[in-house]
Protein backbone atom coordinates (compact mmCIF):
# COMPACT_ATOMS: atom_id res chain seq x y z
CA MET A 1 21.89 78.62 82.09
CA ASN A 2 21.07 78.52 78.32
CA PHE A 3 23.41 77.15 75.40
CA LYS A 4 24.46 80.69 74.11
CA THR A 5 25.50 81.25 77.44
CA ILE A 6 27.74 78.41 78.13
CA LEU A 7 29.63 79.45 74.68
CA LEU A 8 30.27 82.48 75.59
CA LEU A 9 31.94 81.36 78.82
CA VAL A 10 34.19 78.87 77.19
CA ALA A 11 35.39 81.63 74.71
CA ALA A 12 36.00 83.77 77.62
CA CYS A 13 38.47 80.53 79.38
CA VAL A 14 40.10 79.80 75.87
CA GLY A 15 41.06 83.67 75.09
CA ILE A 16 42.19 83.70 78.79
CA ALA A 17 44.15 80.55 78.51
CA SER A 18 45.84 81.82 75.04
CA CYS A 19 46.93 85.05 76.65
CA ASN A 20 48.61 83.36 79.34
CA GLN A 21 50.47 80.88 76.94
CA ASP A 22 51.44 84.01 74.89
CA GLN A 23 52.93 85.80 77.72
CA LYS A 24 54.95 82.49 79.08
CA THR A 25 56.21 82.10 75.18
CA ALA A 26 57.14 85.59 74.50
CA PRO A 27 60.73 86.27 73.94
CA VAL A 28 63.05 87.97 76.24
CA THR A 29 64.96 90.91 74.62
CA VAL A 30 68.53 91.52 75.61
CA ALA A 31 70.28 94.92 75.11
CA PRO A 32 73.02 94.14 72.97
CA VAL A 33 76.69 94.42 74.25
CA ALA A 34 78.70 97.29 73.20
CA LYS A 35 81.92 95.76 71.52
CA LYS A 36 85.24 97.41 71.58
CA PRO A 37 85.90 98.47 68.36
CA THR A 38 88.70 96.51 66.50
CA LEU A 39 91.65 98.14 64.74
CA GLU A 40 92.31 97.26 61.20
CA GLU A 41 95.71 96.91 59.25
CA PRO A 42 97.98 98.65 59.22
CA PHE A 43 96.76 100.17 62.95
CA LYS A 44 97.86 98.65 66.04
CA TYR A 45 97.31 100.73 68.90
CA HIS A 46 94.80 103.89 69.78
CA LYS A 47 94.09 105.52 72.61
CA MET A 48 91.91 109.17 72.71
CA ILE A 49 92.82 111.48 75.19
CA GLU A 50 90.67 114.82 75.93
CA VAL A 51 92.57 117.67 77.63
CA ALA A 52 89.64 120.07 77.35
CA PRO A 53 86.45 120.17 75.80
CA GLY A 54 86.79 120.22 72.05
CA ARG A 55 90.56 119.39 72.39
CA TYR A 56 91.66 116.00 71.82
CA TYR A 57 94.64 113.71 71.06
CA ASP A 58 94.36 110.52 69.42
CA VAL A 59 97.46 108.48 69.66
CA LEU A 60 98.18 105.72 67.38
CA SER A 61 100.59 102.96 66.33
CA TRP A 62 100.99 101.54 62.81
CA GLY A 63 102.80 99.84 60.52
CA ARG A 64 101.72 96.98 57.71
CA GLY A 65 103.78 94.13 58.22
CA ALA A 66 105.73 95.40 61.43
CA LYS A 67 106.08 92.88 64.42
CA GLY A 68 105.42 95.04 67.34
CA GLY A 69 107.39 98.15 65.56
CA GLY A 70 106.55 100.54 63.31
CA ALA A 71 105.56 104.15 63.91
CA TYR A 72 103.42 106.41 66.23
CA MET A 73 101.36 109.56 65.55
CA ILE A 74 99.82 111.99 67.60
CA LEU A 75 96.36 113.45 65.89
CA ARG A 76 95.32 116.98 67.65
CA SER A 77 91.95 117.83 67.23
CA ASP A 78 90.70 121.66 68.25
CA SER A 79 87.21 121.26 66.95
CA THR A 80 86.71 124.81 68.80
CA ASP A 81 89.37 126.73 66.85
CA GLN A 82 88.73 124.18 63.85
CA GLN A 83 92.57 123.21 64.01
CA TYR A 84 94.02 119.85 63.01
CA ASP A 85 97.71 118.50 63.05
CA SER A 86 99.84 115.50 63.36
CA THR A 87 102.91 114.38 64.78
CA THR A 88 104.75 111.36 64.05
CA GLY A 89 107.77 108.94 64.87
CA ASP A 90 109.40 105.90 64.51
CA LEU A 91 108.79 102.72 67.20
CA GLU A 92 110.81 99.75 68.18
CA GLY A 93 108.34 97.92 69.94
CA PRO A 94 104.50 98.02 70.66
CA ILE A 95 103.07 101.22 72.66
CA GLN A 96 102.08 100.20 76.28
CA ASP A 97 100.48 103.04 77.52
CA VAL A 98 99.86 106.94 76.79
CA LEU A 99 99.67 109.59 79.84
CA ASN A 100 98.63 113.14 79.84
CA ALA A 101 100.10 115.52 82.09
CA ASP A 102 101.24 119.34 82.83
CA LEU A 103 104.49 118.51 84.39
CA ASP A 104 105.95 121.99 84.50
CA ILE A 105 102.36 123.33 85.14
CA ASP A 106 102.33 126.21 82.51
CA GLY A 107 98.96 125.45 80.82
CA ASN A 108 100.38 123.39 78.11
CA PRO A 109 99.72 119.92 77.95
CA GLU A 110 102.43 116.90 77.35
CA ILE A 111 101.51 113.84 75.71
CA ILE A 112 103.79 111.04 76.99
CA ILE A 113 104.20 107.58 75.10
CA GLN A 114 105.51 104.69 76.87
CA ALA A 115 106.66 101.76 74.21
CA LYS A 116 108.83 98.67 74.39
CA SER A 117 112.40 98.87 73.29
CA ILE A 118 114.59 96.52 71.69
CA ASP A 119 117.69 97.85 73.51
CA THR A 120 118.26 95.67 76.50
CA SER A 121 120.03 98.47 78.50
CA ARG A 122 116.74 100.43 78.05
CA TYR A 123 113.56 97.97 77.86
CA THR A 124 111.41 101.19 77.49
CA ASN A 125 111.24 104.19 75.47
CA VAL A 126 109.55 107.35 76.62
CA PHE A 127 108.32 109.70 73.92
CA VAL A 128 107.20 113.61 75.28
CA TYR A 129 105.65 115.81 73.60
CA GLU A 130 104.60 119.38 74.83
CA TYR A 131 101.90 121.15 72.73
CA ASN A 132 101.27 124.86 72.57
CA GLY A 133 98.39 125.66 70.44
CA THR A 134 99.23 124.16 66.96
CA LYS A 135 103.15 123.88 68.12
CA SER A 136 104.41 120.53 69.29
CA GLN A 137 107.93 120.34 70.73
CA LYS A 138 109.75 116.95 71.33
CA ILE A 139 111.38 116.63 74.87
CA ASP A 140 114.39 114.55 75.45
CA PHE A 141 113.72 111.52 78.06
CA PRO A 142 117.01 111.39 80.15
CA ARG A 143 118.65 107.96 80.46
CA MET A 144 119.15 106.34 83.95
CA THR A 145 122.61 106.31 85.13
CA ALA A 146 124.46 103.44 86.17
CA SER A 147 123.47 103.11 89.69
CA GLN A 148 119.71 103.76 88.58
CA ARG A 149 120.12 101.05 86.11
CA LYS A 150 121.43 98.61 88.26
CA GLY A 151 119.23 95.52 88.25
CA TYR A 152 117.13 97.06 85.92
CA ARG A 153 115.33 94.67 83.50
CA GLY A 154 112.37 96.36 82.35
CA GLU A 155 108.92 95.73 83.74
CA ASP A 156 108.31 99.78 84.15
CA ASN A 157 105.25 101.13 85.38
CA LEU A 158 104.64 104.80 84.47
CA TYR A 159 101.88 107.13 86.47
CA ILE A 160 101.34 110.97 86.95
CA LYS A 161 101.48 112.04 90.77
CA ASP A 162 101.72 115.60 91.98
CA SER A 163 102.66 117.13 88.34
CA LYS A 164 105.66 114.77 88.70
CA LEU A 165 106.21 111.58 86.26
CA MET A 166 107.06 108.19 88.45
CA ARG A 167 108.54 105.33 87.27
CA GLN A 168 108.66 102.13 89.25
CA PHE A 169 110.35 98.99 88.28
CA PRO A 170 111.22 95.70 89.86
CA ILE A 171 115.07 94.83 90.86
CA PHE A 172 116.44 91.93 89.31
CA ASP A 173 119.72 89.61 90.69
CA GLY A 174 120.93 88.42 87.32
CA THR A 175 117.82 87.02 85.98
CA LYS A 176 115.94 86.30 89.38
CA PRO A 177 113.80 89.11 90.86
CA THR A 178 114.59 90.47 94.52
CA GLY A 179 110.98 91.44 95.45
CA GLU A 180 112.23 94.87 95.79
CA LYS A 181 111.63 97.75 93.48
CA ARG A 182 113.01 101.12 92.42
CA LEU A 183 111.07 104.51 92.29
CA LEU A 184 112.26 107.59 90.09
CA GLU A 185 110.95 110.85 90.04
CA TYR A 186 110.97 113.05 86.88
CA SER A 187 110.34 116.69 87.12
CA LEU A 188 110.02 119.09 84.06
CA HIS A 189 111.33 122.65 84.14
CA SER A 190 111.88 124.82 80.96
CA ASN A 191 111.47 122.01 78.64
CA SER A 192 114.28 120.06 80.35
CA PHE A 193 113.97 116.77 82.73
CA SER A 194 115.60 116.43 86.01
CA VAL A 195 115.52 112.81 87.78
CA ARG A 196 116.19 111.78 91.38
CA THR A 197 115.71 108.62 93.25
CA VAL A 198 112.98 108.27 95.47
CA SER A 199 113.68 104.77 96.68
CA SER A 200 116.24 102.23 95.76
CA ASP A 201 117.06 98.44 96.89
CA THR A 202 118.99 97.57 99.78
CA SER A 203 121.17 95.08 98.52
CA ALA A 204 124.15 96.96 99.91
CA ASN A 205 122.48 96.67 103.27
CA ALA A 206 121.73 93.20 103.12
CA LYS A 207 125.23 92.30 102.04
CA LYS A 208 126.57 94.13 105.17
CA ALA A 209 124.44 92.05 107.35
CA ASP A 210 125.89 88.78 105.70
CA VAL A 211 129.20 89.41 106.60
CA ALA A 212 130.40 87.21 109.81
CA VAL A 213 131.01 88.80 113.08
CA THR A 214 134.19 87.66 115.00
CA PRO A 215 133.21 87.13 118.53
CA ALA A 216 135.02 89.19 121.15
CA PRO A 217 138.03 87.47 122.80
CA VAL A 218 137.25 86.49 126.57
CA VAL A 219 138.99 88.49 129.20
CA LYS A 220 140.15 86.90 132.15
CA LYS A 221 139.95 88.52 135.29
CA SER A 222 142.92 89.74 137.61
CA GLY A 223 141.89 87.51 140.26
CA ASP A 224 141.82 84.64 138.15
CA THR A 225 145.24 85.25 137.06
CA LYS A 226 146.78 85.43 140.45
CA LYS A 227 145.16 82.12 141.60
CA SER A 228 146.57 80.20 138.18
CA SER A 229 149.79 81.94 138.82
CA SER A 230 150.24 81.01 142.47
CA LYS A 231 148.97 77.31 141.69
CA LYS A 232 151.73 77.37 139.15
CA GLU A 233 154.33 78.43 141.79
CA THR A 234 152.92 75.70 144.35
CA THR A 235 153.44 72.78 141.53
CA GLY A 236 156.77 74.28 140.88
CA LYS A 237 158.12 74.04 144.42
CA LYS A 238 156.51 70.64 144.97
CA LYS A 239 158.47 69.12 141.82
CA SER A 240 161.75 71.06 143.01
CA THR A 241 161.33 69.36 146.60
CA LYS A 242 160.76 65.83 145.43
CA THR A 243 163.79 66.21 143.05
CA GLU A 244 166.36 67.38 145.64
CA THR A 245 164.79 64.60 148.57
CA LYS A 246 165.94 62.13 145.48
CA LYS A 247 169.18 63.61 145.03
CA LYS A 248 169.79 63.18 148.86
CA HIS A 249 168.75 59.52 148.87
CA LYS A 250 171.03 58.77 145.90
CA LYS A 251 174.17 60.45 147.94
CA HIS A 252 173.05 58.69 150.86
CA HIS A 253 173.25 55.30 149.20
CA SER A 254 176.52 56.18 147.59
CA SER A 255 178.26 56.80 150.79
CA ASN A 256 177.32 53.45 152.11
């Protein structure tokens, strides 16, 4: 092996070693994680709902300097027909969720906004708008009755089931939760809500169960009554016999 061949072998080894070193030290590229865009003032909440291809409803809350309140607005975008309009309203507290439904099954969507309320008898405000093309109509959401509101302290969970708006919340006894829940079902007909209680608390049944039960009196058998009466008669006879004996003994003693 001549000197030139040795140099070629050494160069080849150095090249292979450098390639391995480059592979070891090559940086691993990681795909960046997409971050959710943050809202800038004065906006505080945003949710986009697509009811059909090209038809979007962007629900936002806004209010510079407002602590949870402010106002809401619904931006309707129909890119197919190139129609754009907005609906606004006032808020007492922050928006908690936005739902989309067709409660009366007439082909016109309803946008339902759930927000907190400062009114302790309500705790939750619900705003409902039905859209028919470019027109929006606000539908009054009914207040709960006294029986439906009994033990209510907020913490509502709203969801859609079988074209009905369901409202579930825990029941409290004062400030303590009872562990039970009440479920209300809202139906929409001719732009008017009707509500019924699907399930309610069982506190009334629990109170009935806590009432003390008075034990039934023990009834004596007729045979036992006769025995006891006969014993009383026998005892009475014995006492009378002893008394007569004593009297006779006294008379006999006095005659002597």
